[in-house]
């Protein structure tokens, strides 16, 4: 059978008190609607259809080609929202999976259970329910004495006896497409002047069609985002779900409650993550790393056995056995090759530190290429920007920079070159020579005696 997913995302979300459309508020670093789209696409194998309304252009811009779109110009209820998809979808699929863009924690396996139940039973509709007395405002599921579902009654219209029923309607459905498109125009107008999709349940029963329910026991799946408090509740639930999965995969989280891992992150086994660590975006962490505490890593790749403590890494790349921090900052384009040590209060931007480079502390390296085994002493600065353009600094292998060296780019230092403390290098320094002073000048070749007794120790 063919199936299409229809996701309702036209609501304004007035209780969020925000200019941003409700489904674009972020959960674990991504808009709410993308979580819903990913779950639906995983079980249908196709591109979902998104019903948009409030902030439609912003939603389109955020979602792009991940979905196709229909517009609900007037918000006249959930049944009216689904009806907007009829012209585009009638005859296109045998089944319609309907979910909401503000319900980001529905799991693909739960949606798959709805689909499988409908195919097994031939029901007009299969709905997702949960037994949860704490979900006060949810619609109640009504059943006949023999147990079959007969209707859903919204909380506002429910009698005291109906409100006492434990089974709640979660808000996910799998419909027989042909029946759905014929039934939607027959939905009654509610007391609020809207057309509720939930009234399709009673219509199916009236038509003599079968209605089935699948129960979930995961309360997190029921979270719909209407307030900032619910957004925080969903964030905590998703964090627990993600962290539990990583611990099962062999990653140690010292304090899961203070570990924040977005769903797009990948982590190798035997890595240890300390408290207050944030892993975001397309970050990949290799095996046997030590990350944190108090560390933020965004869109960055780390090889195996790296150590990063109390630092910020953004759009960087680290090879194996790299040691960073504490209080280091790697910015966009930073590339640290195998065995690099970058100590406290250092910053690297758009620069490569070759294998074995040592950058102890209090230095800035930007727009630079640093050769293997070079030593960058405290206070070194690449002066890469003259107010108009940025220029590059190039160091050969085994270069030794004395403390407080200023490298005024563009400038190149050859292999085994050396600078004295406080030097301001404005011109190229040949290989195997020592440059001193302000501005620095070459004073002698770097001979054997100089190598044994340098002006500064490492």
Protein backbone atom coordinates (compact mmCIF):
# COMPACT_ATOMS: atom_id res chain seq x y z
CA UNK A 1 0.00 0.00 0.00
CA UNK A 2 1.06 3.57 -0.62
CA UNK A 3 0.98 6.11 2.19
CA UNK A 4 1.47 9.85 2.59
CA UNK A 5 2.03 11.88 5.75
CA UNK A 6 0.05 15.06 6.35
CA UNK A 7 1.44 17.26 9.14
CA UNK A 8 -0.63 20.10 10.58
CA UNK A 9 1.51 23.18 11.16
CA UNK A 10 -0.74 26.19 10.60
CA UNK A 11 -1.25 27.33 14.19
CA UNK A 12 -0.05 30.62 15.60
CA UNK A 13 0.84 29.54 19.12
CA UNK A 14 -0.42 32.64 20.89
CA UNK A 15 0.41 31.29 24.35
CA UNK A 16 4.09 31.24 23.42
CA UNK A 17 3.90 35.05 23.16
CA UNK A 18 6.30 35.12 20.24
CA UNK A 19 6.58 36.60 16.76
CA UNK A 20 8.03 33.28 15.64
CA UNK A 21 5.57 30.70 14.25
CA UNK A 22 4.97 27.99 16.83
CA UNK A 23 6.48 25.12 14.83
CA UNK A 24 9.74 27.06 14.33
CA UNK A 25 10.57 27.25 18.03
CA UNK A 26 13.62 25.12 18.67
CA UNK A 27 13.90 21.82 20.47
CA UNK A 28 17.39 20.34 20.89
CA UNK A 29 18.71 22.85 18.38
CA UNK A 30 16.15 22.20 15.62
CA UNK A 31 12.72 23.64 14.78
CA UNK A 32 9.87 21.59 16.24
CA UNK A 33 8.46 20.84 12.82
CA UNK A 34 11.65 19.13 11.64
CA UNK A 35 11.34 16.55 14.41
CA UNK A 36 7.80 15.79 13.27
CA UNK A 37 8.85 15.69 9.60
CA UNK A 38 11.71 13.28 10.28
CA UNK A 39 9.49 10.84 12.19
CA UNK A 40 6.81 10.86 9.47
CA UNK A 41 9.29 10.53 6.62
CA UNK A 42 10.99 7.61 8.37
CA UNK A 43 7.82 5.49 8.24
CA UNK A 44 6.30 6.64 4.95
CA UNK A 45 9.50 6.74 2.91
CA UNK A 46 8.30 9.88 1.12
CA UNK A 47 8.17 13.63 1.48
CA UNK A 48 5.46 14.72 3.94
CA UNK A 49 2.84 17.31 3.11
CA UNK A 50 2.84 20.28 5.49
CA UNK A 51 -0.33 22.28 6.13
CA UNK A 52 0.87 25.84 6.77
CA UNK A 53 -0.96 29.03 7.72
CA UNK A 54 0.39 31.48 10.25
CA UNK A 55 3.93 32.46 9.26
CA UNK A 56 3.73 30.25 6.18
CA UNK A 57 6.65 31.89 4.38
CA UNK A 58 8.93 31.57 7.40
CA UNK A 59 7.98 27.91 7.77
CA UNK A 60 8.68 27.27 4.08
CA UNK A 61 12.06 28.99 4.37
CA UNK A 62 13.04 26.85 7.38
CA UNK A 63 11.79 23.52 6.02
CA UNK A 64 12.66 23.94 2.34
CA UNK A 65 12.41 20.87 0.12
CA UNK A 66 11.88 18.46 3.01
CA UNK A 67 8.12 18.84 2.53
CA UNK A 68 5.49 19.91 0.05
CA UNK A 69 2.90 22.45 1.16
CA UNK A 70 -0.78 23.26 1.27
CA UNK A 71 -2.17 26.44 2.85
CA UNK A 72 -4.91 26.77 5.44
CA UNK A 73 -5.77 30.44 4.97
CA UNK A 74 -8.42 30.42 7.71
CA UNK A 75 -7.81 28.43 10.87
CA UNK A 76 -11.16 26.66 11.20
CA UNK A 77 -10.04 23.60 13.12
CA UNK A 78 -8.06 20.43 12.59
CA UNK A 79 -10.63 18.80 10.34
CA UNK A 80 -10.62 21.87 8.12
CA UNK A 81 -6.80 21.76 8.07
CA UNK A 82 -6.73 18.17 6.82
CA UNK A 83 -9.40 19.02 4.22
CA UNK A 84 -6.98 21.53 2.66
CA UNK A 85 -4.83 18.61 1.54
CA UNK A 86 -7.63 16.77 -0.25
CA UNK A 87 -7.25 18.45 -3.66
CA UNK A 88 -3.51 17.73 -3.71
CA UNK A 89 -3.64 14.20 -2.31
CA UNK A 90 -6.86 12.52 -3.39
CA UNK A 91 -5.98 9.46 -5.43
CA UNK A 92 -2.28 9.78 -4.59
CA UNK A 93 -2.09 7.23 -1.75
CA UNK A 94 -4.11 4.47 -0.10
CA UNK A 95 -3.44 5.72 3.43
CA UNK A 96 -2.95 9.08 5.12
CA UNK A 97 -0.86 9.45 8.28
CA UNK A 98 -1.88 12.62 10.14
CA UNK A 99 0.31 14.18 12.85
CA UNK A 100 1.01 17.64 14.26
CA UNK A 101 4.03 19.87 13.74
CA UNK A 102 4.05 20.84 17.41
CA UNK A 103 4.31 17.23 18.65
CA UNK A 104 8.05 16.60 18.23
CA UNK A 105 8.49 13.49 20.39
CA UNK A 106 6.35 10.99 18.49
CA UNK A 107 8.68 8.12 17.64
CA UNK A 108 8.81 6.46 14.22
CA UNK A 109 8.16 3.06 15.79
CA UNK A 110 4.92 4.37 17.31
CA UNK A 111 3.74 5.76 13.97
CA UNK A 112 4.69 2.46 12.34
CA UNK A 113 2.46 0.64 14.82
CA UNK A 114 -0.50 2.76 13.69
CA UNK A 115 0.17 1.91 10.05
CA UNK A 116 0.55 -1.80 10.71
CA UNK A 117 -2.67 -1.96 12.74
CA UNK A 118 -4.64 -0.28 9.96
CA UNK A 119 -3.27 -2.68 7.37
CA UNK A 120 -4.02 -5.69 9.58
CA UNK A 121 -7.61 -4.65 10.32
CA UNK A 122 -8.69 -2.58 7.31
CA UNK A 123 -9.99 0.07 9.73
CA UNK A 124 -11.18 3.44 8.50
CA UNK A 125 -8.93 5.01 11.12
CA UNK A 126 -6.42 3.95 13.77
CA UNK A 127 -5.69 6.49 16.48
CA UNK A 128 -2.97 6.75 19.11
CA UNK A 129 -4.13 6.80 22.75
CA UNK A 130 -2.67 6.71 26.25
CA UNK A 131 -4.01 6.00 29.73
CA UNK A 132 -2.91 9.08 31.67
CA UNK A 133 -5.08 10.87 34.21
CA UNK A 134 -2.58 13.73 34.41
CA UNK A 135 -3.36 14.83 30.83
CA UNK A 136 -6.34 16.87 31.93
CA UNK A 137 -7.08 18.85 28.76
CA UNK A 138 -6.85 15.97 26.28
CA UNK A 139 -9.87 14.57 24.44
CA UNK A 140 -11.43 11.49 26.01
CA UNK A 141 -11.70 8.21 24.09
CA UNK A 142 -15.18 6.72 24.32
CA UNK A 143 -15.63 2.97 23.97
CA UNK A 144 -18.61 0.66 23.61
CA UNK A 145 -19.27 -1.97 26.32
CA UNK A 146 -17.52 -4.58 24.16
CA UNK A 147 -14.44 -2.34 23.99
CA UNK A 148 -14.58 -0.83 20.51
CA UNK A 149 -13.81 2.88 20.07
CA UNK A 150 -16.97 4.86 19.35
CA UNK A 151 -15.96 8.52 19.56
CA UNK A 152 -13.58 11.15 20.87
CA UNK A 153 -15.07 13.94 22.93
CA UNK A 154 -13.06 17.12 23.49
CA UNK A 155 -12.47 18.10 27.10
CA UNK A 156 -14.55 21.27 26.83
CA UNK A 157 -17.60 19.31 25.67
CA UNK A 158 -17.10 16.26 27.92
CA UNK A 159 -19.47 15.45 30.76
CA UNK A 160 -18.09 14.88 34.28
CA UNK A 161 -18.39 11.13 33.73
CA UNK A 162 -16.51 11.32 30.42
CA UNK A 163 -13.79 13.51 31.96
CA UNK A 164 -13.18 10.76 34.52
CA UNK A 165 -12.27 8.27 31.79
CA UNK A 166 -8.55 7.41 31.79
CA UNK A 167 -7.93 6.96 28.04
CA UNK A 168 -6.79 10.09 26.22
CA UNK A 169 -6.48 10.87 22.52
CA UNK A 170 -2.83 11.68 21.76
CA UNK A 171 -3.29 13.19 18.30
CA UNK A 172 -1.84 10.86 15.66
CA UNK A 173 -3.93 8.93 13.13
CA UNK A 174 -3.67 6.58 10.18
CA UNK A 175 -6.68 6.82 7.83
CA UNK A 176 -8.04 4.88 4.91
CA UNK A 177 -7.49 7.64 2.35
CA UNK A 178 -10.59 7.08 0.24
CA UNK A 179 -12.86 7.07 3.29
CA UNK A 180 -11.12 10.14 4.79
CA UNK A 181 -11.52 12.37 1.73
CA UNK A 182 -15.21 11.44 1.48
CA UNK A 183 -15.84 11.93 5.21
CA UNK A 184 -14.19 15.30 5.82
CA UNK A 185 -16.94 17.42 4.17
CA UNK A 186 -19.43 15.73 6.52
CA UNK A 187 -17.73 16.81 9.76
CA UNK A 188 -20.14 18.73 12.03
CA UNK A 189 -19.48 22.29 13.13
CA UNK A 190 -18.34 22.37 16.76
CA UNK A 191 -19.72 24.79 19.38
CA UNK A 192 -16.55 26.85 18.84
CA UNK A 193 -17.32 27.23 15.13
CA UNK A 194 -14.56 24.84 14.04
CA UNK A 195 -14.38 21.45 12.37
CA UNK A 196 -12.61 18.88 14.55
CA UNK A 197 -10.74 15.97 13.03
CA UNK A 198 -11.63 13.99 16.15
CA UNK A 199 -15.28 13.96 15.02
CA UNK A 200 -14.20 11.68 12.17
CA UNK A 201 -14.12 8.82 14.68
CA UNK A 202 -17.87 8.95 15.30
CA UNK A 203 -18.46 9.35 11.54
CA UNK A 204 -16.55 6.13 10.85
CA UNK A 205 -18.65 4.27 13.40
CA UNK A 206 -21.85 5.69 11.84
CA UNK A 207 -20.63 4.51 8.44
CA UNK A 208 -20.20 1.01 9.83
CA UNK A 209 -16.43 1.18 9.48
CA UNK A 210 -13.97 -0.22 11.95
CA UNK A 211 -12.04 2.10 14.32
CA UNK A 212 -8.91 0.86 16.08
CA UNK A 213 -6.61 2.32 18.74
CA UNK A 214 -2.94 1.75 19.52
CA UNK A 215 -1.84 2.65 23.05
CA UNK A 216 1.51 4.16 23.92
CA UNK A 217 2.98 4.05 27.41
CA UNK A 218 5.51 6.82 26.70
CA UNK A 219 4.14 10.01 28.24
CA UNK A 220 6.78 12.08 26.44
CA UNK A 221 5.16 11.29 23.09
CA UNK A 222 2.05 13.18 24.16
CA UNK A 223 3.81 16.50 24.70
CA UNK A 224 2.41 19.17 22.41
CA UNK A 225 4.03 22.58 22.46
CA UNK A 226 1.67 25.42 23.33
CA UNK A 227 3.64 27.18 26.07
CA UNK A 228 7.26 27.84 26.99
CA UNK A 229 6.84 25.49 29.94
CA UNK A 230 5.82 22.67 27.59
CA UNK A 231 8.81 23.48 25.39
CA UNK A 232 11.10 23.08 28.40
CA UNK A 233 9.32 19.84 29.34
CA UNK A 234 9.89 18.48 25.83
CA UNK A 235 13.55 19.53 25.95
CA UNK A 236 14.08 17.58 29.17
CA UNK A 237 12.26 14.52 27.83
CA UNK A 238 14.18 14.49 24.58
CA UNK A 239 17.49 15.00 26.40
CA UNK A 240 16.73 11.99 28.60
CA UNK A 241 15.83 9.90 25.54
CA UNK A 242 19.04 10.87 23.69
CA UNK A 243 21.31 10.42 26.70
CA UNK A 244 19.86 7.03 27.53
CA UNK A 245 20.53 5.86 23.98
CA UNK A 246 24.17 7.02 24.09
CA UNK A 247 24.83 5.32 27.41
CA UNK A 248 23.41 2.10 25.96
CA UNK A 249 25.84 2.54 23.04
CA UNK A 250 28.90 2.62 25.32
CA UNK A 251 29.32 6.33 26.09
CA UNK A 252 29.82 7.39 29.72
CA UNK A 253 27.82 10.41 30.89
CA UNK A 254 28.97 11.34 34.38
CA UNK A 255 25.81 13.38 35.01
CA UNK A 256 23.16 12.86 32.32
CA UNK A 257 20.93 15.57 33.80
CA UNK A 258 23.54 18.22 32.92
CA UNK A 259 24.64 16.78 29.59
CA UNK A 260 23.10 18.29 26.45
CA UNK A 261 23.45 16.30 23.22
CA UNK A 262 21.51 17.25 20.10
CA UNK A 263 20.07 14.42 17.97
CA UNK A 264 22.43 15.19 15.06
CA UNK A 265 25.57 14.40 17.11
CA UNK A 266 27.61 11.19 16.77
CA UNK A 267 29.85 9.81 19.58
CA UNK A 268 32.32 6.92 19.62
CA UNK A 269 32.37 4.22 22.32
CA UNK A 270 34.30 4.61 25.56
CA UNK A 271 34.13 8.38 25.37
CA UNK A 272 33.53 10.06 28.74
CA UNK A 273 31.45 13.24 28.90
CA UNK A 274 31.66 15.36 32.04
CA UNK A 275 28.88 17.59 33.42
CA UNK A 276 27.64 20.77 31.73
CA UNK A 277 28.82 19.70 28.29
CA UNK A 278 26.84 20.81 25.21
CA UNK A 279 27.31 18.89 21.94
CA UNK A 280 25.47 20.59 19.08
CA UNK A 281 24.84 20.47 15.36
CA UNK A 282 26.82 18.13 13.13
CA UNK A 283 29.43 17.35 15.79
CA UNK A 284 31.23 14.00 15.65
CA UNK A 285 33.25 12.74 18.63
CA UNK A 286 35.66 9.83 18.18
CA UNK A 287 36.19 6.89 20.50
CA UNK A 288 37.92 7.13 23.91
CA UNK A 289 37.70 10.91 24.15
CA UNK A 290 37.35 12.94 27.34
CA UNK A 291 35.01 15.91 26.95
CA UNK A 292 34.18 18.55 29.56
CA UNK A 293 33.28 19.69 32.06
CA UNK A 294 31.83 23.08 31.01
CA UNK A 295 32.47 22.55 27.32
CA UNK A 296 30.50 23.57 24.22
CA UNK A 297 31.25 21.84 20.90
CA UNK A 298 29.36 22.93 17.76
CA UNK A 299 29.62 21.48 14.22
CA UNK A 300 33.07 20.07 15.02
CA UNK A 301 34.84 16.77 14.32
CA UNK A 302 37.14 15.15 16.89
CA UNK A 303 39.27 12.10 16.26
CA UNK A 304 39.89 9.34 18.77
CA UNK A 305 41.45 9.94 22.20
CA UNK A 306 41.03 13.71 22.21
CA UNK A 307 40.77 15.62 25.48
CA UNK A 308 38.78 18.87 25.61
CA UNK A 309 38.21 20.65 28.93
CA UNK A 310 36.25 23.84 29.69
CA UNK A 311 36.47 25.11 26.13
CA UNK A 312 34.42 26.32 23.17
CA UNK A 313 34.87 24.63 19.76
CA UNK A 314 32.97 25.91 16.70
CA UNK A 315 33.23 24.47 13.18
CA UNK A 316 36.68 23.03 13.89
CA UNK A 317 38.46 19.77 13.03
CA UNK A 318 40.71 17.79 15.37
CA UNK A 319 42.75 14.70 14.48
CA UNK A 320 43.55 11.95 16.97
CA UNK A 321 45.26 12.53 20.35
CA UNK A 322 44.66 16.29 20.49
CA UNK A 323 44.60 18.00 23.89
CA UNK A 324 42.65 21.28 24.23
CA UNK A 325 41.95 23.57 27.17
CA UNK A 326 41.03 24.64 29.66
CA UNK A 327 39.46 27.89 28.44
CA UNK A 328 40.46 27.49 24.80
CA UNK A 329 38.47 28.73 21.81
CA UNK A 330 38.58 27.05 18.40
CA UNK A 331 36.73 29.07 15.78
CA UNK A 332 35.63 28.34 12.23
CA UNK A 333 38.33 26.74 10.10
CA UNK A 334 40.57 25.71 12.98
CA UNK A 335 42.35 22.45 12.14
CA UNK A 336 44.51 20.69 14.73
CA UNK A 337 46.52 17.75 13.47
CA UNK A 338 47.53 14.67 15.42
CA UNK A 339 49.12 15.22 18.81
CA UNK A 340 48.58 18.99 19.01
CA UNK A 341 48.50 20.53 22.48
CA UNK A 342 46.55 23.78 22.86
CA UNK A 343 46.56 25.11 26.39
CA UNK A 344 44.52 27.58 28.38
CA UNK A 345 43.25 30.90 27.01
CA UNK A 346 44.37 30.21 23.45
CA UNK A 347 42.36 30.97 20.32
CA UNK A 348 42.68 29.54 16.80
CA UNK A 349 40.70 30.71 13.77
CA UNK A 350 41.00 29.60 10.13
CA UNK A 351 44.40 28.09 10.81
CA UNK A 352 46.10 24.70 10.75
CA UNK A 353 48.37 23.53 13.54
CA UNK A 354 50.51 20.72 12.18
CA UNK A 355 51.29 17.42 13.93
CA UNK A 356 52.84 17.80 17.36
CA UNK A 357 52.49 21.59 17.58
CA UNK A 358 52.55 23.00 21.12
CA UNK A 359 50.57 26.16 21.83
CA UNK A 360 50.79 26.60 25.56
CA UNK A 361 48.66 29.54 26.59
CA UNK A 362 47.49 33.11 26.00
CA UNK A 363 48.01 33.14 22.24
CA UNK A 364 45.98 33.93 19.12
CA UNK A 365 46.63 32.14 15.82
CA UNK A 366 44.46 33.29 12.90
CA UNK A 367 44.74 32.76 9.14
CA UNK A 368 47.91 30.74 9.57
CA UNK A 369 49.69 27.52 8.63
CA UNK A 370 51.87 26.19 11.46
CA UNK A 371 54.37 23.47 10.60
CA UNK A 372 54.87 20.23 12.52
CA UNK A 373 56.54 20.23 15.94
CA UNK A 374 56.61 24.02 16.17
CA UNK A 375 56.35 25.73 19.56
CA UNK A 376 54.12 28.76 20.13
CA UNK A 377 55.06 30.40 23.42
CA UNK A 378 52.80 32.49 25.64
CA UNK A 379 51.45 35.75 24.28
CA UNK A 380 52.08 35.00 20.60
CA UNK A 381 49.74 36.84 18.24
CA UNK A 382 49.30 36.61 14.49
CA UNK A 383 48.42 40.15 13.39
CA UNK A 384 46.31 38.96 10.47
CA UNK A 385 44.03 41.96 9.88
CA UNK A 386 45.20 45.44 8.85
CA UNK A 387 41.74 47.01 8.92
CA UNK A 388 41.08 46.28 5.26
CA UNK A 389 42.10 42.72 4.49
CA UNK A 390 43.27 39.58 6.22
CA UNK A 391 46.68 38.09 5.43
CA UNK A 392 48.32 34.76 6.14
CA UNK A 393 51.15 33.69 8.40
CA UNK A 394 53.18 30.58 7.45
CA UNK A 395 55.56 28.78 9.80
CA UNK A 396 57.75 25.91 8.70
CA UNK A 397 58.51 22.86 10.80
CA UNK A 398 60.13 23.02 14.25
CA UNK A 399 59.82 26.81 14.48
CA UNK A 400 60.24 28.22 18.00
CA UNK A 401 58.43 31.47 18.80
CA UNK A 402 59.54 33.31 21.92
CA UNK A 403 56.99 34.68 24.36
CA UNK A 404 55.02 37.76 23.20
CA UNK A 405 56.06 37.40 19.56
CA UNK A 406 53.91 39.43 17.15
CA UNK A 407 53.75 38.09 13.59
CA UNK A 408 52.58 40.87 11.25
CA UNK A 409 51.05 39.08 8.26
CA UNK A 410 51.76 38.37 5.51
CA UNK A 411 54.94 36.78 6.81
CA UNK A 412 56.75 33.44 6.50
CA UNK A 413 59.23 31.78 8.87
CA UNK A 414 61.33 28.93 7.50
CA UNK A 415 62.03 25.54 9.07
CA UNK A 416 63.84 25.70 12.43
CA UNK A 417 63.56 29.49 12.61
CA UNK A 418 63.41 31.11 16.03
CA UNK A 419 62.26 34.44 17.49
CA UNK A 420 63.28 36.09 20.71
CA UNK A 421 60.82 37.20 23.38
CA UNK A 422 58.91 40.36 22.48
CA UNK A 423 59.90 40.31 18.81
CA UNK A 424 57.68 42.04 16.23
CA UNK A 425 58.20 40.13 12.99
CA UNK A 426 57.31 42.25 9.93
CA UNK A 427 59.49 40.50 7.34
CA UNK A 428 60.18 36.88 6.41
CA UNK A 429 62.64 34.96 8.57
CA UNK A 430 64.84 32.43 6.72
CA UNK A 431 65.17 28.83 7.84
CA UNK A 432 67.49 28.04 10.73
CA UNK A 433 67.96 31.65 11.84
CA UNK A 434 67.18 33.71 14.94
CA UNK A 435 65.27 37.00 14.67
CA UNK A 436 65.12 39.55 17.52
CA UNK A 437 63.84 43.01 18.23
CA UNK A 438 61.23 45.57 17.19
CA UNK A 439 61.02 45.29 14.28
CA UNK A 440 62.70 41.90 14.33
CA UNK A 441 65.89 41.39 12.38
CA UNK A 442 67.93 38.25 11.75
CA UNK A 443 71.00 38.27 14.02
CA UNK A 444 72.60 34.91 13.36
CA UNK A 445 72.05 31.42 12.14
CA UNK A 446 70.49 29.08 14.61
CA UNK A 447 73.51 26.89 15.30
CA UNK A 448 74.14 23.99 17.62
CA UNK A 449 74.97 26.15 20.64
CA UNK A 450 71.81 28.22 20.22
CA UNK A 451 69.70 25.11 19.95
CA UNK A 452 71.09 23.86 23.26
CA UNK A 453 70.51 27.18 25.08
CA UNK A 454 67.54 29.14 23.86
CA UNK A 455 66.62 32.65 25.08
CA UNK A 456 63.45 31.23 26.64
CA UNK A 457 62.58 27.78 27.82
CA UNK A 458 59.59 25.96 26.46
